[in-house]
Every structure is written in C-alpha cells, then in structure tokens.
Amino acid sequence: FAESADKENPVKFSTSQAANWHAKFSRSGNSRDVPEIQTYIVCLSTAVFLLYFLVLREENDIDAKIGLSLYDKIDGLEEANLNTLYEYNLEKGIDNKEVIKRLQELEDEKKN
C-alpha cells in the first residue's frame, strides 16, 4: 500500500497485490518445503509398522484379554442385562421365552 495523500479512498483490488494472491496459497503452504522423498519414506515406515504389528508380532496376554466378552470380565453383568431386557419386554408386550431360558441357564451355572 503506497503512502499517499489518498488514504481515505478505497484501494482498487485489480491493481493491488491482493489480486495476485490465490486461496491455495493460504491452504497448502509452500510446496518447496517438502522433500520429494518424504511421501515414500512415510508410506514405507507405515507399511513396515503394519507388517510387524499385524503379522509378525506374537500375541500376548493383553491380546487374549481383549478377545474376551465383557460378560466374562464382569460377574453378574449378563444377568443384570437380561433382567433389564425382561422388564422392557414386559412393558412392550414382547415374548420373553429366550430371556427366561438364558436366565435359567445362568442360575444352573451358579448352582454347579
């Protein structure tokens, strides 16, 4: 913006420096800052990590725990859920045969 006695008047956009500025300059930054090989290095590093983590790594005790059902981890959770489902089904008039059957199975497992 040139120093002039004309500061009160608007600047004509087409003759200002802003006319040469494109939105992509604000979004993408300077492409010269990124080395060409960076994309290949990132892809190779990610591929090696995934190969190790998904194929070569041995399972451990944490992996075994992740595979367990939540009902196996928390005692009484399945029974509490079934009781809640039983009450819901009663309110909505839905058949409870399967719920009653599973509750009976859980009772039999407790006795043994």
PDB file of N, CA and C in Angstrom:
ATOM      1  N   PHE A   1       0.853  -1.163   0.000  1.00  0.00           N
ATOM      2  CA  PHE A   1       0.000   0.000   0.000  1.00  0.00           C
ATOM      3  C   PHE A   1       0.898   1.224   0.000  1.00  0.00           C
ATOM      4  N   ALA A   2       0.809   1.958  -0.990  1.00  0.00           N
ATOM      5  CA  ALA A   2       1.685   3.124  -1.168  1.00  0.00           C
ATOM      6  C   ALA A   2       1.260   4.244  -0.238  1.00  0.00           C
ATOM      7  N   GLU A   3       2.271   4.939   0.247  1.00  0.00           N
ATOM      8  CA  GLU A   3       1.989   6.114   1.072  1.00  0.00           C
ATOM      9  C   GLU A   3       1.496   7.221   0.152  1.00  0.00           C
ATOM     10  N   SER A   4       0.318   7.690   0.385  1.00  0.00           N
ATOM     11  CA  SER A   4      -0.202   8.773  -0.443  1.00  0.00           C
ATOM     12  C   SER A   4      -1.173   9.609   0.367  1.00  0.00           C
ATOM     13  N   ALA A   5      -1.495  10.721  -0.177  1.00  0.00           N
ATOM     14  CA  ALA A   5      -2.459  11.608   0.475  1.00  0.00           C
ATOM     15  C   ALA A   5      -3.869  11.091   0.251  1.00  0.00           C
ATOM     16  N   ASP A   6      -3.986  10.006  -0.499  1.00  0.00           N
ATOM     17  CA  ASP A   6      -5.256   9.433  -0.925  1.00  0.00           C
ATOM     18  C   ASP A   6      -5.738   8.317   0.013  1.00  0.00           C
ATOM     19  N   LYS A   7      -5.297   8.236   1.259  1.00  0.00           N
ATOM     20  CA  LYS A   7      -5.600   7.122   2.160  1.00  0.00           C
ATOM     21  C   LYS A   7      -7.086   6.979   2.463  1.00  0.00           C
ATOM     22  N   GLU A   8      -7.835   7.978   2.297  1.00  0.00           N
ATOM     23  CA  GLU A   8      -9.260   7.924   2.598  1.00  0.00           C
ATOM     24  C   GLU A   8     -10.058   7.218   1.508  1.00  0.00           C
ATOM     25  N   ASN A   9      -9.537   7.134   0.314  1.00  0.00           N
ATOM     26  CA  ASN A   9     -10.248   6.498  -0.792  1.00  0.00           C
ATOM     27  C   ASN A   9      -9.967   4.999  -0.807  1.00  0.00           C
ATOM     28  N   PRO A  10     -10.906   4.185  -1.276  1.00  0.00           N
ATOM     29  CA  PRO A  10     -10.687   2.741  -1.338  1.00  0.00           C
ATOM     30  C   PRO A  10      -9.598   2.383  -2.346  1.00  0.00           C
ATOM     31  N   VAL A  11      -8.938   1.245  -2.080  1.00  0.00           N
ATOM     32  CA  VAL A  11      -7.895   0.749  -2.977  1.00  0.00           C
ATOM     33  C   VAL A  11      -8.558  -0.096  -4.049  1.00  0.00           C
ATOM     34  N   LYS A  12      -8.165   0.079  -5.263  1.00  0.00           N
ATOM     35  CA  LYS A  12      -8.720  -0.707  -6.361  1.00  0.00           C
ATOM     36  C   LYS A  12      -8.110  -2.112  -6.298  1.00  0.00           C
ATOM     37  N   PHE A  13      -8.966  -3.129  -6.155  1.00  0.00           N
ATOM     38  CA  PHE A  13      -8.498  -4.503  -5.965  1.00  0.00           C
ATOM     39  C   PHE A  13      -7.646  -4.986  -7.129  1.00  0.00           C
ATOM     40  N   SER A  14      -8.059  -4.749  -8.333  1.00  0.00           N
ATOM     41  CA  SER A  14      -7.358  -5.294  -9.504  1.00  0.00           C
ATOM     42  C   SER A  14      -5.936  -4.767  -9.643  1.00  0.00           C
ATOM     43  N   THR A  15      -5.641  -3.651  -9.043  1.00  0.00           N
ATOM     44  CA  THR A  15      -4.280  -3.109  -9.125  1.00  0.00           C
ATOM     45  C   THR A  15      -3.488  -3.328  -7.844  1.00  0.00           C
ATOM     46  N   SER A  16      -4.103  -3.940  -6.832  1.00  0.00           N
ATOM     47  CA  SER A  16      -3.397  -4.174  -5.567  1.00  0.00           C
ATOM     48  C   SER A  16      -2.655  -5.507  -5.605  1.00  0.00           C
ATOM     49  N   GLN A  17      -1.794  -5.740  -4.609  1.00  0.00           N
ATOM     50  CA  GLN A  17      -1.063  -7.010  -4.515  1.00  0.00           C
ATOM     51  C   GLN A  17      -1.998  -8.175  -4.193  1.00  0.00           C
ATOM     52  N   ALA A  18      -3.122  -7.902  -3.595  1.00  0.00           N
ATOM     53  CA  ALA A  18      -4.081  -8.956  -3.247  1.00  0.00           C
ATOM     54  C   ALA A  18      -4.680  -9.620  -4.477  1.00  0.00           C
ATOM     55  N   ALA A  19      -4.673  -8.957  -5.605  1.00  0.00           N
ATOM     56  CA  ALA A  19      -5.238  -9.527  -6.830  1.00  0.00           C
ATOM     57  C   ALA A  19      -4.433 -10.725  -7.306  1.00  0.00           C
ATOM     58  N   ASN A  20      -3.158 -10.796  -6.949  1.00  0.00           N
ATOM     59  CA  ASN A  20      -2.302 -11.908  -7.373  1.00  0.00           C
ATOM     60  C   ASN A  20      -2.284 -13.061  -6.372  1.00  0.00           C
ATOM     61  N   TRP A  21      -2.964 -12.910  -5.259  1.00  0.00           N
ATOM     62  CA  TRP A  21      -2.966 -13.942  -4.213  1.00  0.00           C
ATOM     63  C   TRP A  21      -4.108 -14.918  -4.467  1.00  0.00           C
ATOM     64  N   HIS A  22      -3.807 -16.222  -4.428  1.00  0.00           N
ATOM     65  CA  HIS A  22      -4.817 -17.258  -4.641  1.00  0.00           C
ATOM     66  C   HIS A  22      -5.096 -17.973  -3.322  1.00  0.00           C
ATOM     67  N   ALA A  23      -6.287 -18.497  -3.164  1.00  0.00           N
ATOM     68  CA  ALA A  23      -6.669 -19.174  -1.931  1.00  0.00           C
ATOM     69  C   ALA A  23      -5.791 -20.386  -1.657  1.00  0.00           C
ATOM     70  N   LYS A  24      -5.310 -21.054  -2.693  1.00  0.00           N
ATOM     71  CA  LYS A  24      -4.486 -22.248  -2.480  1.00  0.00           C
ATOM     72  C   LYS A  24      -3.187 -21.907  -1.755  1.00  0.00           C
ATOM     73  N   PHE A  25      -2.720 -20.667  -1.852  1.00  0.00           N
ATOM     74  CA  PHE A  25      -1.516 -20.264  -1.126  1.00  0.00           C
ATOM     75  C   PHE A  25      -1.768 -20.304   0.381  1.00  0.00           C
ATOM     76  N   SER A  26      -2.959 -19.971   0.808  1.00  0.00           N
ATOM     77  CA  SER A  26      -3.299 -19.979   2.229  1.00  0.00           C
ATOM     78  C   SER A  26      -3.512 -21.390   2.741  1.00  0.00           C
ATOM     79  N   ARG A  27      -4.027 -22.268   1.904  1.00  0.00           N
ATOM     80  CA  ARG A  27      -4.360 -23.626   2.334  1.00  0.00           C
ATOM     81  C   ARG A  27      -3.184 -24.578   2.298  1.00  0.00           C
ATOM     82  N   SER A  28      -2.353 -24.519   1.292  1.00  0.00           N
ATOM     83  CA  SER A  28      -1.364 -25.572   1.078  1.00  0.00           C
ATOM     84  C   SER A  28       0.041 -25.219   1.530  1.00  0.00           C
ATOM     85  N   GLY A  29       0.350 -23.991   1.733  1.00  0.00           N
ATOM     86  CA  GLY A  29       1.699 -23.620   2.113  1.00  0.00           C
ATOM     87  C   GLY A  29       2.622 -23.683   0.915  1.00  0.00           C
ATOM     88  N   ASN A  30       3.891 -23.687   1.178  1.00  0.00           N
ATOM     89  CA  ASN A  30       4.886 -23.682   0.117  1.00  0.00           C
ATOM     90  C   ASN A  30       5.292 -25.114  -0.201  1.00  0.00           C
ATOM     91  N   SER A  31       5.108 -25.556  -1.424  1.00  0.00           N
ATOM     92  CA  SER A  31       5.412 -26.945  -1.786  1.00  0.00           C
ATOM     93  C   SER A  31       6.906 -27.215  -1.795  1.00  0.00           C
ATOM     94  N   ARG A  32       7.726 -26.196  -1.852  1.00  0.00           N
ATOM     95  CA  ARG A  32       9.178 -26.390  -1.859  1.00  0.00           C
ATOM     96  C   ARG A  32       9.701 -26.808  -0.492  1.00  0.00           C
ATOM     97  N   ASP A  33       8.894 -26.688   0.560  1.00  0.00           N
ATOM     98  CA  ASP A  33       9.333 -27.047   1.900  1.00  0.00           C
ATOM     99  C   ASP A  33       9.352 -28.552   2.121  1.00  0.00           C
ATOM    100  N   VAL A  34       8.667 -29.339   1.305  1.00  0.00           N
ATOM    101  CA  VAL A  34       8.536 -30.783   1.495  1.00  0.00           C
ATOM    102  C   VAL A  34       9.458 -31.509   0.519  1.00  0.00           C
ATOM    103  N   PRO A  35      10.385 -32.332   1.042  1.00  0.00           N
ATOM    104  CA  PRO A  35      11.248 -33.102   0.140  1.00  0.00           C
ATOM    105  C   PRO A  35      10.427 -34.117  -0.652  1.00  0.00           C
ATOM    106  N   GLU A  36      10.834 -34.401  -1.874  1.00  0.00           N
ATOM    107  CA  GLU A  36      10.091 -35.339  -2.719  1.00  0.00           C
ATOM    108  C   GLU A  36      10.050 -36.731  -2.111  1.00  0.00           C
ATOM    109  N   ILE A  37      11.092 -37.131  -1.422  1.00  0.00           N
ATOM    110  CA  ILE A  37      11.178 -38.493  -0.902  1.00  0.00           C
ATOM    111  C   ILE A  37      10.334 -38.690   0.358  1.00  0.00           C
ATOM    112  N   GLN A  38       9.829 -37.618   0.942  1.00  0.00           N
ATOM    113  CA  GLN A  38       9.082 -37.720   2.190  1.00  0.00           C
ATOM    114  C   GLN A  38       7.875 -38.641   2.066  1.00  0.00           C
ATOM    115  N   THR A  39       7.135 -38.557   0.992  1.00  0.00           N
ATOM    116  CA  THR A  39       5.953 -39.396   0.791  1.00  0.00           C
ATOM    117  C   THR A  39       6.328 -40.866   0.806  1.00  0.00           C
ATOM    118  N   TYR A  40       7.413 -41.218   0.137  1.00  0.00           N
ATOM    119  CA  TYR A  40       7.846 -42.613   0.074  1.00  0.00           C
ATOM    120  C   TYR A  40       8.322 -43.106   1.435  1.00  0.00           C
ATOM    121  N   ILE A  41       9.014 -42.275   2.173  1.00  0.00           N
ATOM    122  CA  ILE A  41       9.506 -42.667   3.490  1.00  0.00           C
ATOM    123  C   ILE A  41       8.344 -42.902   4.448  1.00  0.00           C
ATOM    124  N   VAL A  42       7.365 -42.025   4.436  1.00  0.00           N
ATOM    125  CA  VAL A  42       6.204 -42.177   5.317  1.00  0.00           C
ATOM    126  C   VAL A  42       5.428 -43.440   4.957  1.00  0.00           C
ATOM    127  N   CYS A  43       5.216 -43.700   3.675  1.00  0.00           N
ATOM    128  CA  CYS A  43       4.490 -44.904   3.242  1.00  0.00           C
ATOM    129  C   CYS A  43       5.251 -46.165   3.628  1.00  0.00           C
ATOM    130  N   LEU A  44       6.558 -46.181   3.412  1.00  0.00           N
ATOM    131  CA  LEU A  44       7.366 -47.348   3.755  1.00  0.00           C
ATOM    132  C   LEU A  44       7.367 -47.584   5.260  1.00  0.00           C
ATOM    133  N   SER A  45       7.512 -46.541   6.049  1.00  0.00           N
ATOM    134  CA  SER A  45       7.501 -46.679   7.507  1.00  0.00           C
ATOM    135  C   SER A  45       6.167 -47.218   8.000  1.00  0.00           C
ATOM    136  N   THR A  46       5.085 -46.717   7.443  1.00  0.00           N
ATOM    137  CA  THR A  46       3.758 -47.194   7.831  1.00  0.00           C
ATOM    138  C   THR A  46       3.572 -48.654   7.442  1.00  0.00           C
ATOM    139  N   ALA A  47       4.029 -49.033   6.258  1.00  0.00           N
ATOM    140  CA  ALA A  47       3.905 -50.422   5.804  1.00  0.00           C
ATOM    141  C   ALA A  47       4.712 -51.360   6.689  1.00  0.00           C
ATOM    142  N   VAL A  48       5.919 -50.968   7.065  1.00  0.00           N
ATOM    143  CA  VAL A  48       6.750 -51.808   7.935  1.00  0.00           C
ATOM    144  C   VAL A  48       6.098 -51.954   9.302  1.00  0.00           C
ATOM    145  N   PHE A  49       5.571 -50.866   9.852  1.00  0.00           N
ATOM    146  CA  PHE A  49       4.903 -50.940  11.147  1.00  0.00           C
ATOM    147  C   PHE A  49       3.697 -51.871  11.091  1.00  0.00           C
ATOM    148  N   LEU A  50       2.861 -51.732  10.064  1.00  0.00           N
ATOM    149  CA  LEU A  50       1.681 -52.592   9.946  1.00  0.00           C
ATOM    150  C   LEU A  50       2.065 -54.051   9.753  1.00  0.00           C
ATOM    151  N   LEU A  51       3.099 -54.311   8.984  1.00  0.00           N
ATOM    152  CA  LEU A  51       3.573 -55.682   8.792  1.00  0.00           C
ATOM    153  C   LEU A  51       3.998 -56.280  10.121  1.00  0.00           C
ATOM    154  N   TYR A  52       4.759 -55.533  10.898  1.00  0.00           N
ATOM    155  CA  TYR A  52       5.179 -56.030  12.209  1.00  0.00           C
ATOM    156  C   TYR A  52       3.980 -56.225  13.125  1.00  0.00           C
ATOM    157  N   PHE A  53       3.145 -55.194  13.246  1.00  0.00           N
ATOM    158  CA  PHE A  53       2.079 -55.222  14.235  1.00  0.00           C
ATOM    159  C   PHE A  53       0.993 -56.235  13.904  1.00  0.00           C
ATOM    160  N   LEU A  54       0.667 -56.407  12.629  1.00  0.00           N
ATOM    161  CA  LEU A  54      -0.445 -57.276  12.257  1.00  0.00           C
ATOM    162  C   LEU A  54      -0.025 -58.693  11.886  1.00  0.00           C
ATOM    163  N   VAL A  55       1.247 -58.907  11.504  1.00  0.00           N
ATOM    164  CA  VAL A  55       1.654 -60.222  11.021  1.00  0.00           C
ATOM    165  C   VAL A  55       2.724 -60.856  11.904  1.00  0.00           C
ATOM    166  N   LEU A  56       3.793 -60.162  12.155  1.00  0.00           N
ATOM    167  CA  LEU A  56       4.959 -60.765  12.797  1.00  0.00           C
ATOM    168  C   LEU A  56       4.897 -60.801  14.321  1.00  0.00           C
ATOM    169  N   ARG A  57       4.171 -59.911  14.922  1.00  0.00           N
ATOM    170  CA  ARG A  57       4.146 -59.808  16.384  1.00  0.00           C
ATOM    171  C   ARG A  57       3.432 -61.010  16.996  1.00  0.00           C
ATOM    172  N   GLU A  58       4.010 -61.541  18.090  1.00  0.00           N
ATOM    173  CA  GLU A  58       3.367 -62.646  18.799  1.00  0.00           C
ATOM    174  C   GLU A  58       2.270 -62.095  19.703  1.00  0.00           C
ATOM    175  N   GLU A  59       1.216 -62.880  19.867  1.00  0.00           N
ATOM    176  CA  GLU A  59       0.145 -62.457  20.760  1.00  0.00           C
ATOM    177  C   GLU A  59       0.628 -62.534  22.198  1.00  0.00           C
ATOM    178  N   ASN A  60       0.086 -61.664  23.035  1.00  0.00           N
ATOM    179  CA  ASN A  60       0.439 -61.684  24.448  1.00  0.00           C
ATOM    180  C   ASN A  60      -0.828 -61.739  25.292  1.00  0.00           C
ATOM    181  N   ASP A  61      -0.681 -61.637  26.614  1.00  0.00           N
ATOM    182  CA  ASP A  61      -1.833 -61.767  27.498  1.00  0.00           C
ATOM    183  C   ASP A  61      -2.843 -60.629  27.313  1.00  0.00           C
ATOM    184  N   ILE A  62      -2.384 -59.478  26.918  1.00  0.00           N
ATOM    185  CA  ILE A  62      -3.312 -58.360  26.683  1.00  0.00           C
ATOM    186  C   ILE A  62      -4.199 -58.652  25.477  1.00  0.00           C
ATOM    187  N   ASP A  63      -3.626 -59.250  24.437  1.00  0.00           N
ATOM    188  CA  ASP A  63      -4.429 -59.619  23.267  1.00  0.00           C
ATOM    189  C   ASP A  63      -5.505 -60.629  23.648  1.00  0.00           C
ATOM    190  N   ALA A  64      -5.164 -61.557  24.528  1.00  0.00           N
ATOM    191  CA  ALA A  64      -6.142 -62.554  24.968  1.00  0.00           C
ATOM    192  C   ALA A  64      -7.274 -61.890  25.755  1.00  0.00           C
ATOM    193  N   LYS A  65      -6.934 -60.908  26.588  1.00  0.00           N
ATOM    194  CA  LYS A  65      -7.957 -60.213  27.369  1.00  0.00           C
ATOM    195  C   LYS A  65      -8.876 -59.381  26.480  1.00  0.00           C
ATOM    196  N   ILE A  66      -8.320 -58.812  25.429  1.00  0.00           N
ATOM    197  CA  ILE A  66      -9.132 -58.006  24.514  1.00  0.00           C
ATOM    198  C   ILE A  66     -10.181 -58.875  23.830  1.00  0.00           C
ATOM    199  N   GLY A  67      -9.844 -60.130  23.575  1.00  0.00           N
ATOM    200  CA  GLY A  67     -10.762 -61.027  22.891  1.00  0.00           C
ATOM    201  C   GLY A  67     -11.890 -61.555  23.763  1.00  0.00           C
ATOM    202  N   LEU A  68     -11.811 -61.362  25.077  1.00  0.00           N
ATOM    203  CA  LEU A  68     -12.849 -61.864  25.972  1.00  0.00           C
ATOM    204  C   LEU A  68     -14.125 -61.033  25.868  1.00  0.00           C
ATOM    205  N   SER A  69     -15.236 -61.691  26.106  1.00  0.00           N
ATOM    206  CA  SER A  69     -16.515 -60.994  26.155  1.00  0.00           C
ATOM    207  C   SER A  69     -16.583 -60.159  27.432  1.00  0.00           C
ATOM    208  N   LEU A  70     -17.330 -59.087  27.392  1.00  0.00           N
ATOM    209  CA  LEU A  70     -17.496 -58.250  28.574  1.00  0.00           C
ATOM    210  C   LEU A  70     -18.201 -59.027  29.682  1.00  0.00           C
ATOM    211  N   TYR A  71     -19.059 -59.950  29.308  1.00  0.00           N
ATOM    212  CA  TYR A  71     -19.738 -60.779  30.296  1.00  0.00           C
ATOM    213  C   TYR A  71     -18.758 -61.690  31.033  1.00  0.00           C
ATOM    214  N   ASP A  72     -17.656 -62.089  30.377  1.00  0.00           N
ATOM    215  CA  ASP A  72     -16.639 -62.908  31.029  1.00  0.00           C
ATOM    216  C   ASP A  72     -15.790 -62.084  31.988  1.00  0.00           C
ATOM    217  N   LYS A  73     -15.692 -60.798  31.752  1.00  0.00           N
ATOM    218  CA  LYS A  73     -14.853 -59.932  32.576  1.00  0.00           C
ATOM    219  C   LYS A  73     -15.575 -59.425  33.822  1.00  0.00           C
ATOM    220  N   ILE A  74     -16.889 -59.189  33.725  1.00  0.00           N
ATOM    221  CA  ILE A  74     -17.646 -58.589  34.826  1.00  0.00           C
ATOM    222  C   ILE A  74     -18.720 -59.572  35.279  1.00  0.00           C
ATOM    223  N   ASP A  75     -18.573 -60.050  36.514  1.00  0.00           N
ATOM    224  CA  ASP A  75     -19.545 -61.001  37.059  1.00  0.00           C
ATOM    225  C   ASP A  75     -20.903 -60.328  37.237  1.00  0.00           C
ATOM    226  N   GLY A  76     -21.951 -61.015  36.837  1.00  0.00           N
ATOM    227  CA  GLY A  76     -23.307 -60.537  37.033  1.00  0.00           C
ATOM    228  C   GLY A  76     -23.811 -59.569  35.976  1.00  0.00           C
ATOM    229  N   LEU A  77     -22.969 -59.185  35.041  1.00  0.00           N
ATOM    230  CA  LEU A  77     -23.386 -58.213  34.028  1.00  0.00           C
ATOM    231  C   LEU A  77     -24.446 -58.793  33.098  1.00  0.00           C
ATOM    232  N   GLU A  78     -24.240 -60.033  32.651  1.00  0.00           N
ATOM    233  CA  GLU A  78     -25.213 -60.631  31.730  1.00  0.00           C
ATOM    234  C   GLU A  78     -26.566 -60.788  32.409  1.00  0.00           C
ATOM    235  N   GLU A  79     -26.547 -61.201  33.667  1.00  0.00           N
ATOM    236  CA  GLU A  79     -27.804 -61.376  34.394  1.00  0.00           C
ATOM    237  C   GLU A  79     -28.521 -60.033  34.574  1.00  0.00           C
ATOM    238  N   ALA A  80     -27.769 -58.985  34.874  1.00  0.00           N
ATOM    239  CA  ALA A  80     -28.369 -57.655  35.023  1.00  0.00           C
ATOM    240  C   ALA A  80     -28.963 -57.183  33.696  1.00  0.00           C
ATOM    241  N   ASN A  81     -28.255 -57.412  32.609  1.00  0.00           N
ATOM    242  CA  ASN A  81     -28.778 -57.025  31.295  1.00  0.00           C
ATOM    243  C   ASN A  81     -30.031 -57.815  30.937  1.00  0.00           C
ATOM    244  N   LEU A  82     -30.023 -59.097  31.250  1.00  0.00           N
ATOM    245  CA  LEU A  82     -31.196 -59.923  30.950  1.00  0.00           C
ATOM    246  C   LEU A  82     -32.403 -59.495  31.780  1.00  0.00           C
ATOM    247  N   ASN A  83     -32.171 -59.143  33.048  1.00  0.00           N
ATOM    248  CA  ASN A  83     -33.279 -58.667  33.886  1.00  0.00           C
ATOM    249  C   ASN A  83     -33.851 -57.358  33.346  1.00  0.00           C
ATOM    250  N   THR A  84     -32.982 -56.473  32.894  1.00  0.00           N
ATOM    251  CA  THR A  84     -33.440 -55.215  32.299  1.00  0.00           C
ATOM    252  C   THR A  84     -34.226 -55.486  31.020  1.00  0.00           C
ATOM    253  N   LEU A  85     -33.720 -56.404  30.199  1.00  0.00           N
ATOM    254  CA  LEU A  85     -34.409 -56.771  28.963  1.00  0.00           C
ATOM    255  C   LEU A  85     -35.762 -57.410  29.266  1.00  0.00           C
ATOM    256  N   TYR A  86     -35.825 -58.219  30.309  1.00  0.00           N
ATOM    257  CA  TYR A  86     -37.073 -58.871  30.709  1.00  0.00           C
ATOM    258  C   TYR A  86     -38.127 -57.812  31.061  1.00  0.00           C
ATOM    259  N   GLU A  87     -37.725 -56.826  31.868  1.00  0.00           N
ATOM    260  CA  GLU A  87     -38.653 -55.756  32.256  1.00  0.00           C
ATOM    261  C   GLU A  87     -39.102 -54.946  31.032  1.00  0.00           C
ATOM    262  N   TYR A  88     -38.172 -54.647  30.146  1.00  0.00           N
ATOM    263  CA  TYR A  88     -38.503 -53.897  28.928  1.00  0.00           C
ATOM    264  C   TYR A  88     -39.499 -54.679  28.071  1.00  0.00           C
ATOM    265  N   ASN A  89     -39.233 -55.971  27.897  1.00  0.00           N
ATOM    266  CA  ASN A  89     -40.123 -56.808  27.088  1.00  0.00           C
ATOM    267  C   ASN A  89     -41.516 -56.900  27.702  1.00  0.00           C
ATOM    268  N   LEU A  90     -41.594 -56.949  29.042  1.00  0.00           N
ATOM    269  CA  LEU A  90     -42.900 -56.979  29.698  1.00  0.00           C
ATOM    270  C   LEU A  90     -43.683 -55.698  29.394  1.00  0.00           C
ATOM    271  N   GLU A  91     -43.007 -54.555  29.470  1.00  0.00           N
ATOM    272  CA  GLU A  91     -43.672 -53.275  29.204  1.00  0.00           C
ATOM    273  C   GLU A  91     -44.160 -53.175  27.764  1.00  0.00           C
ATOM    274  N   LYS A  92     -43.375 -53.709  26.834  1.00  0.00           N
ATOM    275  CA  LYS A  92     -43.691 -53.585  25.413  1.00  0.00           C
ATOM    276  C   LYS A  92     -44.512 -54.758  24.875  1.00  0.00           C
ATOM    277  N   GLY A  93     -44.760 -55.757  25.718  1.00  0.00           N
ATOM    278  CA  GLY A  93     -45.543 -56.905  25.281  1.00  0.00           C
ATOM    279  C   GLY A  93     -44.786 -57.841  24.353  1.00  0.00           C
ATOM    280  N   ILE A  94     -43.475 -57.926  24.516  1.00  0.00           N
ATOM    281  CA  ILE A  94     -42.635 -58.784  23.675  1.00  0.00           C
ATOM    282  C   ILE A  94     -42.412 -60.113  24.390  1.00  0.00           C
ATOM    283  N   ASP A  95     -42.324 -61.187  23.610  1.00  0.00           N
ATOM    284  CA  ASP A  95     -42.131 -62.534  24.151  1.00  0.00           C
ATOM    285  C   ASP A  95     -40.799 -62.627  24.902  1.00  0.00           C
ATOM    286  N   ASN A  96     -40.840 -63.232  26.096  1.00  0.00           N
ATOM    287  CA  ASN A  96     -39.658 -63.346  26.950  1.00  0.00           C
ATOM    288  C   ASN A  96     -39.133 -64.770  27.067  1.00  0.00           C
ATOM    289  N   LYS A  97     -39.536 -65.681  26.192  1.00  0.00           N
ATOM    290  CA  LYS A  97     -39.121 -67.082  26.326  1.00  0.00           C
ATOM    291  C   LYS A  97     -37.604 -67.237  26.302  1.00  0.00           C
ATOM    292  N   GLU A  98     -36.945 -66.574  25.353  1.00  0.00           N
ATOM    293  CA  GLU A  98     -35.486 -66.697  25.227  1.00  0.00           C
ATOM    294  C   GLU A  98     -34.776 -66.081  26.437  1.00  0.00           C
ATOM    295  N   VAL A  99     -35.298 -64.977  26.934  1.00  0.00           N
ATOM    296  CA  VAL A  99     -34.692 -64.315  28.093  1.00  0.00           C
ATOM    297  C   VAL A  99     -34.818 -65.204  29.320  1.00  0.00           C
ATOM    298  N   ILE A 100     -35.999 -65.772  29.521  1.00  0.00           N
ATOM    299  CA  ILE A 100     -36.222 -66.656  30.667  1.00  0.00           C
ATOM    300  C   ILE A 100     -35.337 -67.889  30.559  1.00  0.00           C
ATOM    301  N   LYS A 101     -35.205 -68.420  29.362  1.00  0.00           N
ATOM    302  CA  LYS A 101     -34.358 -69.597  29.138  1.00  0.00           C
ATOM    303  C   LYS A 101     -32.900 -69.294  29.501  1.00  0.00           C
ATOM    304  N   ARG A 102     -32.392 -68.140  29.065  1.00  0.00           N
ATOM    305  CA  ARG A 102     -30.996 -67.791  29.354  1.00  0.00           C
ATOM    306  C   ARG A 102     -30.804 -67.496  30.839  1.00  0.00           C
ATOM    307  N   LEU A 103     -31.777 -66.859  31.488  1.00  0.00           N
ATOM    308  CA  LEU A 103     -31.689 -66.628  32.931  1.00  0.00           C
ATOM    309  C   LEU A 103     -31.649 -67.943  33.695  1.00  0.00           C
ATOM    310  N   GLN A 104     -32.431 -68.916  33.238  1.00  0.00           N
ATOM    311  CA  GLN A 104     -32.425 -70.234  33.878  1.00  0.00           C
ATOM    312  C   GLN A 104     -31.068 -70.911  33.695  1.00  0.00           C
ATOM    313  N   GLU A 105     -30.474 -70.782  32.508  1.00  0.00           N
ATOM    314  CA  GLU A 105     -29.144 -71.350  32.263  1.00  0.00           C
ATOM    315  C   GLU A 105     -28.103 -70.729  33.193  1.00  0.00           C
ATOM    316  N   LEU A 106     -28.192 -69.435  33.399  1.00  0.00           N
ATOM    317  CA  LEU A 106     -27.255 -68.768  34.306  1.00  0.00           C
ATOM    318  C   LEU A 106     -27.443 -69.237  35.744  1.00  0.00           C
ATOM    319  N   GLU A 107     -28.691 -69.435  36.151  1.00  0.00           N
ATOM    320  CA  GLU A 107     -28.961 -69.958  37.500  1.00  0.00           C
ATOM    321  C   GLU A 107     -28.382 -71.356  37.667  1.00  0.00           C
ATOM    322  N   ASP A 108     -28.526 -72.192  36.639  1.00  0.00           N
ATOM    323  CA  ASP A 108     -27.982 -73.555  36.691  1.00  0.00           C
ATOM    324  C   ASP A 108     -26.456 -73.536  36.762  1.00  0.00           C
ATOM    325  N   GLU A 109     -25.829 -72.600  36.053  1.00  0.00           N
ATOM    326  CA  GLU A 109     -24.364 -72.488  36.097  1.00  0.00           C
ATOM    327  C   GLU A 109     -23.892 -72.056  37.478  1.00  0.00           C
ATOM    328  N   LYS A 110     -24.652 -71.195  38.154  1.00  0.00           N
ATOM    329  CA  LYS A 110     -24.290 -70.750  39.501  1.00  0.00           C
ATOM    330  C   LYS A 110     -24.353 -71.906  40.497  1.00  0.00           C
ATOM    331  N   LYS A 111     -25.340 -72.778  40.325  1.00  0.00           N
ATOM    332  CA  LYS A 111     -25.516 -73.899  41.245  1.00  0.00           C
ATOM    333  C   LYS A 111     -24.397 -74.916  41.093  1.00  0.00           C
ATOM    334  N   ASN A 112     -23.853 -75.045  39.903  1.00  0.00           N
ATOM    335  CA  ASN A 112     -22.792 -76.034  39.648  1.00  0.00           C
ATOM    336  C   ASN A 112     -21.477 -75.429  39.900  1.00  0.00           C
TER     337      ASN A 112
END
